[in-house]
Protein backbone atom coordinates (compact mmCIF):
# COMPACT_ATOMS: atom_id res chain seq x y z
CA UNK A 1 -4.72 15.01 16.18
CA UNK A 2 -2.31 16.35 13.54
CA UNK A 3 -1.51 13.94 10.76
CA UNK A 4 1.51 14.27 8.31
CA UNK A 5 0.91 12.72 4.95
CA UNK A 6 3.95 12.35 2.83
CA UNK A 7 4.27 12.17 -1.04
CA UNK A 8 0.48 12.52 -1.43
CA UNK A 9 0.50 12.64 -5.17
CA UNK A 10 -2.98 11.96 -6.43
CA UNK A 11 -4.56 10.42 -3.36
CA UNK A 12 -7.05 13.14 -2.89
CA UNK A 13 -10.02 10.92 -2.16
CA UNK A 14 -8.20 9.32 0.75
CA UNK A 15 -7.50 12.85 2.13
CA UNK A 16 -11.29 13.49 1.87
CA UNK A 17 -12.05 10.24 3.75
CA UNK A 18 -9.52 11.29 6.42
CA UNK A 19 -11.34 14.61 6.80
CA UNK A 20 -14.78 12.95 7.26
CA UNK A 21 -13.57 10.70 10.07
CA UNK A 22 -11.29 13.15 11.87
CA UNK A 23 -12.41 14.89 15.12
CA UNK A 24 -13.10 18.53 15.01
CA UNK A 25 -9.84 20.42 15.53
CA UNK A 26 -7.64 17.74 13.87
CA UNK A 27 -5.46 18.85 10.91
CA UNK A 28 -3.96 17.28 7.94
CA UNK A 29 -0.51 18.47 6.76
CA UNK A 30 0.52 17.07 3.26
CA UNK A 31 3.90 17.17 1.45
CA UNK A 32 5.15 16.46 -2.03
CA UNK A 33 8.00 17.68 -4.16
CA UNK A 34 5.78 19.08 -6.77
CA UNK A 35 3.15 21.80 -6.49
CA UNK A 36 1.04 19.93 -9.15
CA UNK A 37 0.32 17.01 -6.75
CA UNK A 38 -3.48 17.50 -6.56
CA UNK A 39 -3.90 15.75 -3.13
CA UNK A 40 -1.83 18.60 -1.54
CA UNK A 41 -4.92 20.91 -1.90
CA UNK A 42 -7.12 18.70 0.22
CA UNK A 43 -4.99 19.32 3.29
CA UNK A 44 -5.10 22.01 5.88
CA UNK A 45 -1.46 22.92 5.05
CA UNK A 46 0.94 22.07 2.39
CA UNK A 47 4.75 21.76 2.27
CA UNK A 48 6.99 21.36 -0.83
CA UNK A 49 9.85 19.26 0.18
CA UNK A 50 13.00 17.80 -1.42
CA UNK A 51 13.02 14.40 -3.26
CA UNK A 52 12.98 11.52 -0.83
CA UNK A 53 16.54 10.59 -1.84
CA UNK A 54 17.85 14.10 -1.03
CA UNK A 55 20.27 14.18 1.98
CA UNK A 56 18.36 16.79 3.63
CA UNK A 57 14.98 15.08 3.25
CA UNK A 58 14.51 13.37 6.64
CA UNK A 59 15.54 16.54 8.56
CA UNK A 60 13.04 18.49 6.56
CA UNK A 61 10.25 16.20 7.60
CA UNK A 62 11.30 16.05 11.13
CA UNK A 63 11.33 19.95 11.17
CA UNK A 64 7.74 19.79 9.87
CA UNK A 65 6.73 17.46 12.64
CA UNK A 66 8.19 19.89 15.23
CA UNK A 67 6.66 22.85 13.69
CA UNK A 68 3.13 21.38 13.12
CA UNK A 69 3.03 19.32 16.36
CA UNK A 70 2.47 16.12 14.40
CA UNK A 71 0.97 13.10 16.13
CA UNK A 72 1.23 10.46 13.25
CA UNK A 73 3.14 10.33 10.02
CA UNK A 74 2.49 8.00 6.87
CA UNK A 75 3.56 7.91 3.29
CA UNK A 76 1.49 7.04 0.18
CA UNK A 77 4.52 5.67 -1.80
CA UNK A 78 6.46 2.48 -1.45
CA UNK A 79 10.05 3.80 -1.74
CA UNK A 80 9.48 6.03 1.33
CA UNK A 81 8.27 3.17 3.68
CA UNK A 82 11.83 2.13 4.27
CA UNK A 83 12.92 5.79 5.12
CA UNK A 84 10.16 6.10 7.69
CA UNK A 85 11.07 2.56 9.18
CA UNK A 86 14.87 3.24 9.43
CA UNK A 87 14.18 6.71 11.03
CA UNK A 88 11.45 5.45 13.49
CA UNK A 89 13.25 6.30 16.59
CA UNK A 90 13.82 9.97 15.45
CA UNK A 91 10.06 10.39 14.98
CA UNK A 92 9.21 8.56 18.26
CA UNK A 93 11.64 10.96 20.03
CA UNK A 94 9.23 13.82 18.91
CA UNK A 95 6.30 11.73 19.95
CA UNK A 96 5.16 10.87 16.40
CA UNK A 97 3.55 7.49 15.62
CA UNK A 98 5.19 6.15 12.47
CA UNK A 99 2.42 4.35 10.49
CA UNK A 100 4.79 2.03 8.74
CA UNK A 101 6.29 -1.33 9.46
CA UNK A 102 9.44 -1.97 11.50
CA UNK A 103 12.64 -2.13 9.34
CA UNK A 104 13.11 -5.69 8.71
CA UNK A 105 9.44 -6.16 7.69
CA UNK A 106 9.77 -3.14 5.48
CA UNK A 107 12.85 -4.60 3.66
CA UNK A 108 10.96 -7.88 3.13
CA UNK A 109 7.86 -6.08 1.64
CA UNK A 110 10.05 -4.07 -0.78
CA UNK A 111 11.85 -7.06 -2.19
CA UNK A 112 9.53 -9.49 -3.68
CA UNK A 113 12.04 -12.35 -3.91
CA UNK A 114 13.13 -12.05 -0.34
CA UNK A 115 9.53 -12.05 0.64
CA UNK A 116 8.94 -15.27 -1.27
CA UNK A 117 11.82 -16.99 0.48
CA UNK A 118 10.80 -15.65 3.84
CA UNK A 119 7.23 -16.92 3.47
CA UNK A 120 8.41 -20.35 2.42
CA UNK A 121 10.75 -20.61 5.41
CA UNK A 122 7.77 -19.65 7.61
CA UNK A 123 5.34 -22.14 6.09
CA UNK A 124 3.02 -19.54 4.54
CA UNK A 125 1.55 -20.46 1.19
CA UNK A 126 2.76 -18.20 -1.46
CA UNK A 127 3.03 -17.94 -5.22
CA UNK A 128 6.21 -19.97 -6.44
CA UNK A 129 8.97 -17.38 -7.48
CA UNK A 130 12.28 -17.69 -9.10
CA UNK A 131 15.00 -15.02 -8.82
CA UNK A 132 16.99 -15.78 -12.05
CA UNK A 133 16.54 -17.13 -15.46
CA UNK A 134 18.78 -20.04 -14.47
CA UNK A 135 16.34 -20.98 -11.65
CA UNK A 136 13.13 -20.80 -13.69
CA UNK A 137 14.83 -22.70 -16.60
CA UNK A 138 15.81 -25.47 -14.06
CA UNK A 139 12.18 -25.69 -12.86
CA UNK A 140 10.92 -25.79 -16.39
CA UNK A 141 13.39 -28.60 -17.39
CA UNK A 142 12.12 -30.62 -14.43
CA UNK A 143 8.55 -30.13 -15.18
CA UNK A 144 7.88 -28.22 -11.99
CA UNK A 145 6.26 -25.40 -13.84
CA UNK A 146 5.14 -24.89 -17.44
CA UNK A 147 5.03 -21.81 -19.82
CA UNK A 148 3.55 -19.24 -19.61
CA UNK A 149 4.98 -17.63 -16.44
CA UNK A 150 4.65 -14.15 -15.06
CA UNK A 151 7.64 -11.72 -14.89
CA UNK A 152 7.96 -8.50 -12.86
CA UNK A 153 10.47 -6.34 -11.26
CA UNK A 154 11.99 -7.63 -8.01
CA UNK A 155 11.22 -4.27 -6.39
CA UNK A 156 9.05 -1.47 -7.20
CA UNK A 157 5.20 -0.99 -7.28
CA UNK A 158 2.23 -0.06 -9.47
CA UNK A 159 2.61 -3.20 -11.61
CA UNK A 160 5.17 -1.47 -13.81
CA UNK A 161 7.06 -3.96 -16.02
CA UNK A 162 4.82 -6.91 -15.08
CA UNK A 163 3.75 -9.17 -17.87
CA UNK A 164 3.00 -12.80 -19.00
CA UNK A 165 5.74 -14.55 -20.92
CA UNK A 166 4.70 -17.55 -23.08
CA UNK A 167 7.99 -18.77 -24.62
CA UNK A 168 11.60 -19.57 -23.39
CA UNK A 169 13.24 -17.19 -25.87
CA UNK A 170 11.20 -14.16 -24.68
CA UNK A 171 11.85 -15.21 -20.94
CA UNK A 172 15.60 -15.30 -21.48
CA UNK A 173 15.59 -12.06 -23.36
CA UNK A 174 13.62 -10.33 -20.45
CA UNK A 175 16.10 -11.51 -17.90
CA UNK A 176 19.07 -10.41 -20.11
CA UNK A 177 17.62 -7.05 -20.51
CA UNK A 178 16.79 -6.74 -16.82
CA UNK A 179 18.47 -9.19 -14.49
CA UNK A 180 16.50 -7.58 -11.59
CA UNK A 181 13.32 -9.40 -12.65
CA UNK A 182 11.72 -12.21 -11.01
CA UNK A 183 9.48 -14.96 -12.50
CA UNK A 184 6.38 -16.32 -10.91
CA UNK A 185 3.96 -19.27 -11.48
CA UNK A 186 1.00 -17.92 -13.45
CA UNK A 187 -1.93 -18.08 -11.12
CA UNK A 188 -4.81 -18.72 -13.67
CA UNK A 189 -7.44 -21.34 -14.37
CA UNK A 190 -11.03 -22.22 -13.53
CA UNK A 191 -11.80 -21.22 -10.02
CA UNK A 192 -8.80 -19.05 -9.59
CA UNK A 193 -9.23 -15.47 -8.70
CA UNK A 194 -7.20 -12.36 -7.78
CA UNK A 195 -8.03 -10.52 -4.57
CA UNK A 196 -6.59 -8.40 -1.99
CA UNK A 197 -7.32 -7.33 1.58
CA UNK A 198 -7.05 -3.99 3.46
CA UNK A 199 -5.67 -4.78 6.91
CA UNK A 200 -5.20 -2.64 9.98
CA UNK A 201 -2.53 -3.81 12.48
CA UNK A 202 -2.99 -2.11 15.86
CA UNK A 203 -0.02 -0.06 16.80
CA UNK A 204 -0.23 -1.02 20.33
CA UNK A 205 -1.04 -4.74 20.31
CA UNK A 206 0.56 -5.31 16.78
CA UNK A 207 -2.29 -7.65 15.97
CA UNK A 208 -4.56 -7.41 12.93
CA UNK A 209 -7.85 -5.91 14.17
CA UNK A 210 -9.59 -5.07 10.74
CA UNK A 211 -9.52 -7.03 7.51
CA UNK A 212 -11.54 -6.06 4.53
CA UNK A 213 -11.33 -8.46 1.57
CA UNK A 214 -12.31 -7.82 -1.96
CA UNK A 215 -12.18 -9.56 -5.43
CA UNK A 216 -10.68 -7.57 -8.19
CA UNK A 217 -13.15 -7.06 -11.07
CA UNK A 218 -10.85 -4.71 -13.20
CA UNK A 219 -7.30 -3.51 -12.82
CA UNK A 220 -4.98 -1.02 -14.44
CA UNK A 221 -1.37 -0.11 -13.95
CA UNK A 222 -1.29 0.92 -10.28
CA UNK A 223 -3.95 -1.67 -8.95
CA UNK A 224 -7.60 -2.55 -8.94
CA UNK A 225 -10.08 0.06 -10.00
CA UNK A 226 -13.29 -2.12 -9.72
CA UNK A 227 -13.71 -4.48 -6.76
CA UNK A 228 -16.42 -6.32 -4.94
CA UNK A 229 -16.44 -7.21 -1.19
CA UNK A 230 -16.59 -10.70 0.14
CA UNK A 231 -16.06 -12.53 3.49
CA UNK A 232 -14.37 -15.85 4.21
CA UNK A 233 -13.36 -16.95 7.59
CA UNK A 234 -10.54 -19.13 6.05
CA UNK A 235 -9.02 -15.99 4.56
CA UNK A 236 -9.18 -14.10 7.79
CA UNK A 237 -7.48 -17.01 9.54
CA UNK A 238 -4.90 -17.29 6.86
CA UNK A 239 -4.04 -13.58 7.28
CA UNK A 240 -3.88 -13.81 11.12
CA UNK A 241 -1.59 -16.80 10.88
CA UNK A 242 0.62 -15.35 8.00
CA UNK A 243 1.13 -12.04 9.85
CA UNK A 244 2.61 -13.56 12.91
CA UNK A 245 6.05 -13.58 11.33
CA UNK A 246 5.94 -9.82 10.58
CA UNK A 247 5.82 -6.58 12.65
CA UNK A 248 3.54 -4.31 10.84
CA UNK A 249 2.20 -0.97 12.23
CA UNK A 250 -0.84 0.55 11.03
CA UNK A 251 -2.56 0.19 7.52
CA UNK A 252 -1.51 -2.05 4.78
CA UNK A 253 -2.74 -3.73 1.57
CA UNK A 254 -2.06 -7.43 0.86
CA UNK A 255 -2.51 -9.21 -2.40
CA UNK A 256 -3.75 -12.81 -2.55
CA UNK A 257 -4.64 -15.49 -5.05
CA UNK A 258 -7.29 -18.19 -4.41
CA UNK A 259 -6.64 -21.51 -6.40
CA UNK A 260 -7.60 -25.08 -5.95
CA UNK A 261 -9.42 -24.21 -2.72
CA UNK A 262 -6.40 -22.59 -0.98
CA UNK A 263 -5.30 -18.93 -0.41
CA UNK A 264 -1.82 -17.83 -1.37
CA UNK A 265 -0.14 -14.68 -0.15
CA UNK A 266 1.55 -12.77 -3.10
CA UNK A 267 2.75 -9.49 -1.74
CA UNK A 268 2.31 -6.87 0.85
CA UNK A 269 2.23 -3.13 0.46
CA UNK A 270 2.58 -1.67 4.01
CA UNK A 271 0.80 1.51 3.44
CA UNK A 272 -2.89 2.65 2.60
CA UNK A 273 -3.71 0.71 -0.55
CA UNK A 274 -4.99 2.60 -3.49
CA UNK A 275 -8.33 0.64 -3.15
CA UNK A 276 -8.72 1.23 0.61
CA UNK A 277 -11.39 3.78 -0.56
CA UNK A 278 -13.56 0.64 -0.92
CA UNK A 279 -13.15 -0.34 2.54
CA UNK A 280 -13.80 3.01 3.87
CA UNK A 281 -16.89 3.27 1.78
CA UNK A 282 -18.15 -0.07 3.23
CA UNK A 283 -17.71 1.22 6.69
CA UNK A 284 -14.23 -0.19 7.68
CA UNK A 285 -12.84 3.03 9.09
CA UNK A 286 -8.99 2.73 9.61
CA UNK A 287 -8.89 6.53 10.59
CA UNK A 288 -10.94 5.84 13.65
CA UNK A 289 -8.63 2.97 14.54
CA UNK A 290 -5.63 5.16 14.21
CA UNK A 291 -7.21 7.84 16.35
CA UNK A 292 -7.89 5.34 19.05
CA UNK A 293 -4.26 4.17 19.14
CA UNK A 294 -2.93 7.66 19.14
CA UNK A 295 -5.12 8.13 22.38
CA UNK A 296 -3.49 5.12 23.94
CA UNK A 297 -6.41 2.73 23.26
CA UNK A 298 -6.03 -0.79 21.98
CA UNK A 299 -8.56 -1.49 19.22
CA UNK A 300 -10.85 -4.52 19.48
CA UNK A 301 -11.19 -6.88 16.39
CA UNK A 302 -13.67 -5.77 13.94
CA UNK A 303 -12.66 -8.32 11.38
CA UNK A 304 -15.45 -9.17 8.94
CA UNK A 305 -17.68 -6.53 10.18
CA UNK A 306 -18.86 -5.35 6.73
CA UNK A 307 -21.35 -6.40 4.10
CA UNK A 308 -20.53 -8.63 1.10
CA UNK A 309 -21.20 -7.67 -2.64
CA UNK A 310 -20.40 -4.02 -1.94
CA UNK A 311 -18.98 -2.78 -5.23
CA UNK A 312 -16.39 -0.01 -5.72
CA UNK A 313 -15.89 1.77 -9.14
CA UNK A 314 -13.12 4.33 -9.35
CA UNK A 315 -13.37 7.33 -11.74
CA UNK A 316 -11.25 10.43 -12.28
CA UNK A 317 -11.87 13.99 -10.98
CA UNK A 318 -9.77 17.18 -11.01
CA UNK A 319 -8.43 19.86 -8.86
CA UNK A 320 -8.44 23.48 -10.44
CA UNK A 321 -5.90 26.02 -8.96
CA UNK A 322 -4.08 29.21 -9.88
CA UNK A 323 -0.43 29.44 -9.86
CA UNK A 324 0.48 32.46 -7.56
CA UNK A 325 3.78 31.37 -5.98
CA UNK A 326 5.30 28.09 -5.17
CA UNK A 327 1.97 26.45 -4.42
CA UNK A 328 -1.46 26.81 -6.02
CA UNK A 329 -4.59 28.64 -4.74
CA UNK A 330 -8.01 27.61 -5.26
CA UNK A 331 -9.34 29.05 -8.50
CA UNK A 332 -12.76 30.85 -8.70
CA UNK A 333 -14.16 32.32 -11.83
CA UNK A 334 -14.50 36.13 -11.55
CA UNK A 335 -18.00 37.43 -10.90
CA UNK A 336 -17.95 39.27 -14.35
CA UNK A 337 -17.46 35.95 -16.07
CA UNK A 338 -19.87 33.95 -13.90
């Protein structure tokens, strides 16, 4: 199989995991708009491409698919998910599986306020969310919520701009400065914890066939960097029920809260999550599931087939290369300096 991975950035460890699980003869083709994206250099072939908002971008990617005989395409950044979803038919015409949700589901995942409203309409427990200062002020006045609350951008990723707000003046100023913010009930308290789940939705049955859940021990901008695995049949059932109102296709990362004995769905990133490395390290291999689907095989459920209390701890590493053209080449110390 030939995989095309778009906007790979710093996701080198995920590229390594792919290579470990791929069959002999399979290839990874990677793209980015910068030659200094380290994950490029874990691929079999690299392409520098225009920015994703460039008019020629999608045609450039389709040309790569033709040239490299690509079987499946995915992206590692949220803004590109919609581009893949909206151009699904163009990829499918080339025989390329798009590992991204269908268009309406992609739109909901990108807009946190629309997602909240959709979940409420479909009876899925979620974190109470307000789309304007007037809405949250009315809820405060009615005693439906109390300060502090949590504010974050309505769209975007990586927790950029997300913060706790403890007084009404600061809350009003935040919305004045950025009307695109949303406010959410602050999910804290004894017995409340923040968690997420890596989920694989089979591309043939469109049913979740793998769920790996983990509690967050530590987070930084961009997501969790220390997590510990756990299993709860109630969470698995909650995921299966909640996902009935979406049309996903392949890997995704879903954020949840547990409070007062109930699970709440917070948001969904329909791509490989940054902490999928934990799932893979615990034996939950989405790459094998993708391979099966590409061969026309429907995957059987492996939900919950992993051990609890497996801990992931992220750390930094580096790629060293020498600039010789548009891209870099692996750098080796000359023998005389060894």
